[in-house]
Amino acid sequence: MTVDLAQLIPAHGYWVAFAGAVLEGETILALAGLAAHRGYLGLPTLIIVGAIGGFLGDQIYFAIGRRFGARFLGRFPGVARRAGRATALIERHPELSVIAVRFMYGLRIVGPIAMGMSRIGWFHFAALNAIGAAIWSACWIGAGYVAGTAVEAALGNLKHVEHVLFIAALGVAIVATIALHWWRRRAPRDRAASR
């Protein structure tokens, strides 16, 4: 059975991009940028949708930190370790950290939770979060769009390989995510063993 991308992506692409951005959607946004390059989705609309999703996601994580922060970190020790990194960043550069934390691997969700536990106010966080979400969305969607342009320049018209291209991009993203997760879990054990 062949999936018709020309019908599937325009019908569901914006909602998928929004949901991916709410969660932790760099991969989804990059794929959405590739879909925009192929003409399935509108680039400006997609950037706005990604920014709104990223903004709402971080507001939710901030609210979790504000309401359940210490209890939440007590239940998830791995998250608590990463929250320590985010807290150190927040203490040194509070405004910059709100914008930059979404670009730091492993802190995309933990960062806003730690910020919710900090002295940063709701409105201050929301204003900086809106700026960060817009930049983040434009960067990742733009990266997918540019990647599509580069691949098309190398291979010519992508119509005959777009199914393979979307699957390959998703596969690479999944493998990279698993590898980074494995490396992040292994690094503390390696440091402890070398002492």
Foldseek 3Di string as FASTA:
>chain_A
DDDDCLPVCLVCVLVQLLQLLLPLNLLSLLLSLLCVLVVSDPDVVSLVSSLVSVLNSLLVLLVCLQPPNVVVCVVPVVLVVVLVVLLVVCVVPVLVSLQCQSVDPPRVRSNSSSVSNDPDDSVSSSVSSSVSSSVSSCVSSVNSNVVNVVVCVVVPDCPVPVVVVSVVSVVVVVVVVVVVVVCVVCVVVVVVVVD
